[in-house]
Amino acid sequence: MIQIRFIRADGTEQTIQTAPGQSLMKAAVDADVKGIDADCGGSLTCATCHVMLDEPWIGRLPPAIPDERDMLDFAASPVEPGSRLSCQIQLTPALDGLVVRLPASQY
């Protein structure tokens, strides 16, 4: 199992445990994490699963593909250096303990 800690903009936290092999977005939706809206269901056609990651987590992921970087232009909250779309982050055992910051709004 992989443990993931979500930190909302107001500072409240939610920790979930999930199996590897799925996207961060899917794990968050399945665990009813507030702040991940995922309107497109992970098809990379919206930016409502925007999250922010800090080092060292950024370095443990493959770089964002061009389509993901382009879609982040439509994020409702300011994009940061560690901004990613959670639908594009595949969970692996190397991400156990991942800390994810959520934006104030997805709309």
C-alpha atoms as a PDB file:
ATOM      1  CA  MET A   1       0.000   0.000   0.000  1.00  0.00           C
ATOM      2  CA  ILE A   2       1.015   3.573  -0.647  1.00  0.00           C
ATOM      3  CA  GLN A   3       0.322   6.333   1.871  1.00  0.00           C
ATOM      4  CA  ILE A   4      -0.478   9.812   0.522  1.00  0.00           C
ATOM      5  CA  ARG A   5      -0.995  12.962   2.582  1.00  0.00           C
ATOM      6  CA  PHE A   6      -3.153  15.713   1.048  1.00  0.00           C
ATOM      7  CA  ILE A   7      -2.870  19.218   2.486  1.00  0.00           C
ATOM      8  CA  ARG A   8      -5.682  21.627   1.631  1.00  0.00           C
ATOM      9  CA  ALA A   9      -5.120  25.369   1.175  1.00  0.00           C
ATOM     10  CA  ASP A  10      -6.694  25.954   4.618  1.00  0.00           C
ATOM     11  CA  GLY A  11      -4.114  23.644   6.233  1.00  0.00           C
ATOM     12  CA  THR A  12      -6.415  20.702   6.947  1.00  0.00           C
ATOM     13  CA  GLU A  13      -5.012  17.329   6.024  1.00  0.00           C
ATOM     14  CA  GLN A  14      -6.286  13.967   4.856  1.00  0.00           C
ATOM     15  CA  THR A  15      -4.150  10.852   4.621  1.00  0.00           C
ATOM     16  CA  ILE A  16      -5.163   7.905   2.469  1.00  0.00           C
ATOM     17  CA  GLN A  17      -3.739   4.499   1.684  1.00  0.00           C
ATOM     18  CA  THR A  18      -4.083   3.042  -1.779  1.00  0.00           C
ATOM     19  CA  ALA A  19      -2.639   0.374  -4.018  1.00  0.00           C
ATOM     20  CA  PRO A  20       0.009   1.202  -6.612  1.00  0.00           C
ATOM     21  CA  GLY A  21      -0.809   1.163 -10.310  1.00  0.00           C
ATOM     22  CA  GLN A  22      -3.492   3.820 -10.492  1.00  0.00           C
ATOM     23  CA  SER A  23      -3.358   7.556 -10.942  1.00  0.00           C
ATOM     24  CA  LEU A  24      -3.138   9.927  -8.013  1.00  0.00           C
ATOM     25  CA  MET A  25      -6.417  11.466  -9.226  1.00  0.00           C
ATOM     26  CA  LYS A  26      -8.234   8.114  -9.182  1.00  0.00           C
ATOM     27  CA  ALA A  27      -6.951   7.310  -5.698  1.00  0.00           C
ATOM     28  CA  ALA A  28      -8.078  10.740  -4.454  1.00  0.00           C
ATOM     29  CA  VAL A  29     -11.534  10.463  -6.041  1.00  0.00           C
ATOM     30  CA  ASP A  30     -12.026   6.936  -4.683  1.00  0.00           C
ATOM     31  CA  ALA A  31     -11.096   8.186  -1.183  1.00  0.00           C
ATOM     32  CA  ASP A  32     -13.393  11.233  -1.503  1.00  0.00           C
ATOM     33  CA  VAL A  33     -10.551  13.729  -1.102  1.00  0.00           C
ATOM     34  CA  LYS A  34     -12.129  17.183  -1.202  1.00  0.00           C
ATOM     35  CA  GLY A  35     -10.284  19.508  -3.566  1.00  0.00           C
ATOM     36  CA  ILE A  36      -9.734  17.056  -6.426  1.00  0.00           C
ATOM     37  CA  ASP A  37     -12.714  17.544  -8.723  1.00  0.00           C
ATOM     38  CA  ALA A  38     -11.505  15.584 -11.782  1.00  0.00           C
ATOM     39  CA  ASP A  39     -14.297  16.738 -14.079  1.00  0.00           C
ATOM     40  CA  CYS A  40     -12.868  14.984 -17.153  1.00  0.00           C
ATOM     41  CA  GLY A  41     -12.230  11.724 -15.328  1.00  0.00           C
ATOM     42  CA  GLY A  42      -8.548  11.701 -16.159  1.00  0.00           C
ATOM     43  CA  SER A  43      -8.665  12.229 -19.912  1.00  0.00           C
ATOM     44  CA  LEU A  44      -6.377  15.299 -19.761  1.00  0.00           C
ATOM     45  CA  THR A  45      -9.056  17.697 -20.994  1.00  0.00           C
ATOM     46  CA  CYS A  46      -9.470  19.865 -17.895  1.00  0.00           C
ATOM     47  CA  ALA A  47      -7.323  21.111 -15.034  1.00  0.00           C
ATOM     48  CA  THR A  48      -9.608  20.304 -12.104  1.00  0.00           C
ATOM     49  CA  CYS A  49      -7.186  17.808 -10.598  1.00  0.00           C
ATOM     50  CA  HIS A  50      -4.375  20.368 -10.219  1.00  0.00           C
ATOM     51  CA  VAL A  51      -2.015  19.615  -7.326  1.00  0.00           C
ATOM     52  CA  MET A  52       1.316  20.977  -6.151  1.00  0.00           C
ATOM     53  CA  LEU A  53       4.296  18.876  -5.152  1.00  0.00           C
ATOM     54  CA  ASP A  54       7.476  19.920  -3.409  1.00  0.00           C
ATOM     55  CA  GLU A  55      10.965  18.461  -3.648  1.00  0.00           C
ATOM     56  CA  PRO A  56      11.922  15.697  -3.278  1.00  0.00           C
ATOM     57  CA  TRP A  57       8.684  14.437  -4.825  1.00  0.00           C
ATOM     58  CA  ILE A  58       9.003  16.451  -8.034  1.00  0.00           C
ATOM     59  CA  GLY A  59      12.263  14.701  -8.820  1.00  0.00           C
ATOM     60  CA  ARG A  60      10.731  11.248  -8.342  1.00  0.00           C
ATOM     61  CA  LEU A  61       8.275  11.743 -11.190  1.00  0.00           C
ATOM     62  CA  PRO A  62       8.803  11.757 -14.922  1.00  0.00           C
ATOM     63  CA  PRO A  63       8.532  15.278 -16.366  1.00  0.00           C
ATOM     64  CA  ALA A  64       5.101  16.504 -17.413  1.00  0.00           C
ATOM     65  CA  ILE A  65       4.295  15.815 -21.044  1.00  0.00           C
ATOM     66  CA  PRO A  66       3.581  18.853 -23.265  1.00  0.00           C
ATOM     67  CA  ASP A  67      -0.212  18.281 -23.149  1.00  0.00           C
ATOM     68  CA  GLU A  68      -0.159  18.354 -19.342  1.00  0.00           C
ATOM     69  CA  ARG A  69       1.917  21.544 -19.276  1.00  0.00           C
ATOM     70  CA  ASP A  70      -0.502  23.136 -21.766  1.00  0.00           C
ATOM     71  CA  MET A  71      -3.558  22.111 -19.729  1.00  0.00           C
ATOM     72  CA  LEU A  72      -2.072  23.645 -16.577  1.00  0.00           C
ATOM     73  CA  ASP A  73      -2.537  27.010 -18.314  1.00  0.00           C
ATOM     74  CA  PHE A  74      -6.246  26.538 -17.577  1.00  0.00           C
ATOM     75  CA  ALA A  75      -5.824  25.860 -13.850  1.00  0.00           C
ATOM     76  CA  ALA A  76      -7.990  28.134 -11.706  1.00  0.00           C
ATOM     77  CA  SER A  77      -5.311  28.608  -9.048  1.00  0.00           C
ATOM     78  CA  PRO A  78      -1.819  29.927  -9.745  1.00  0.00           C
ATOM     79  CA  VAL A  79       0.562  27.375 -11.194  1.00  0.00           C
ATOM     80  CA  GLU A  80       3.733  26.772  -9.177  1.00  0.00           C
ATOM     81  CA  PRO A  81       6.996  25.053 -10.170  1.00  0.00           C
ATOM     82  CA  GLY A  82       5.678  21.807  -8.629  1.00  0.00           C
ATOM     83  CA  SER A  83       2.224  22.005 -10.234  1.00  0.00           C
ATOM     84  CA  ARG A  84       0.992  18.824 -11.869  1.00  0.00           C
ATOM     85  CA  LEU A  85      -2.296  17.293 -12.920  1.00  0.00           C
ATOM     86  CA  SER A  86      -2.945  14.386 -10.586  1.00  0.00           C
ATOM     87  CA  CYS A  87      -4.454  12.348 -13.430  1.00  0.00           C
ATOM     88  CA  GLN A  88      -0.967  12.182 -14.944  1.00  0.00           C
ATOM     89  CA  ILE A  89       0.804  10.881 -11.831  1.00  0.00           C
ATOM     90  CA  GLN A  90       0.949   7.101 -11.729  1.00  0.00           C
ATOM     91  CA  LEU A  91       1.351   5.758  -8.211  1.00  0.00           C
ATOM     92  CA  THR A  92       4.325   3.484  -7.624  1.00  0.00           C
ATOM     93  CA  PRO A  93       5.906   2.161  -4.421  1.00  0.00           C
ATOM     94  CA  ALA A  94       8.565   4.899  -4.802  1.00  0.00           C
ATOM     95  CA  LEU A  95       5.817   7.441  -4.029  1.00  0.00           C
ATOM     96  CA  ASP A  96       4.922   5.957  -0.638  1.00  0.00           C
ATOM     97  CA  GLY A  97       4.613   8.892   1.777  1.00  0.00           C
ATOM     98  CA  LEU A  98       3.828  11.397  -0.994  1.00  0.00           C
ATOM     99  CA  VAL A  99       2.755  14.835   0.243  1.00  0.00           C
ATOM    100  CA  VAL A 100       0.349  16.680  -2.057  1.00  0.00           C
ATOM    101  CA  ARG A 101      -0.764  20.290  -1.626  1.00  0.00           C
ATOM    102  CA  LEU A 102      -4.180  21.201  -2.993  1.00  0.00           C
ATOM    103  CA  PRO A 103      -5.029  24.596  -4.502  1.00  0.00           C
ATOM    104  CA  ALA A 104      -7.634  26.874  -2.938  1.00  0.00           C
ATOM    105  CA  SER A 105      -9.976  26.193  -5.843  1.00  0.00           C
ATOM    106  CA  GLN A 106     -10.218  24.077  -8.975  1.00  0.00           C
ATOM    107  CA  TYR A 107     -12.714  26.531 -10.568  1.00  0.00           C
END
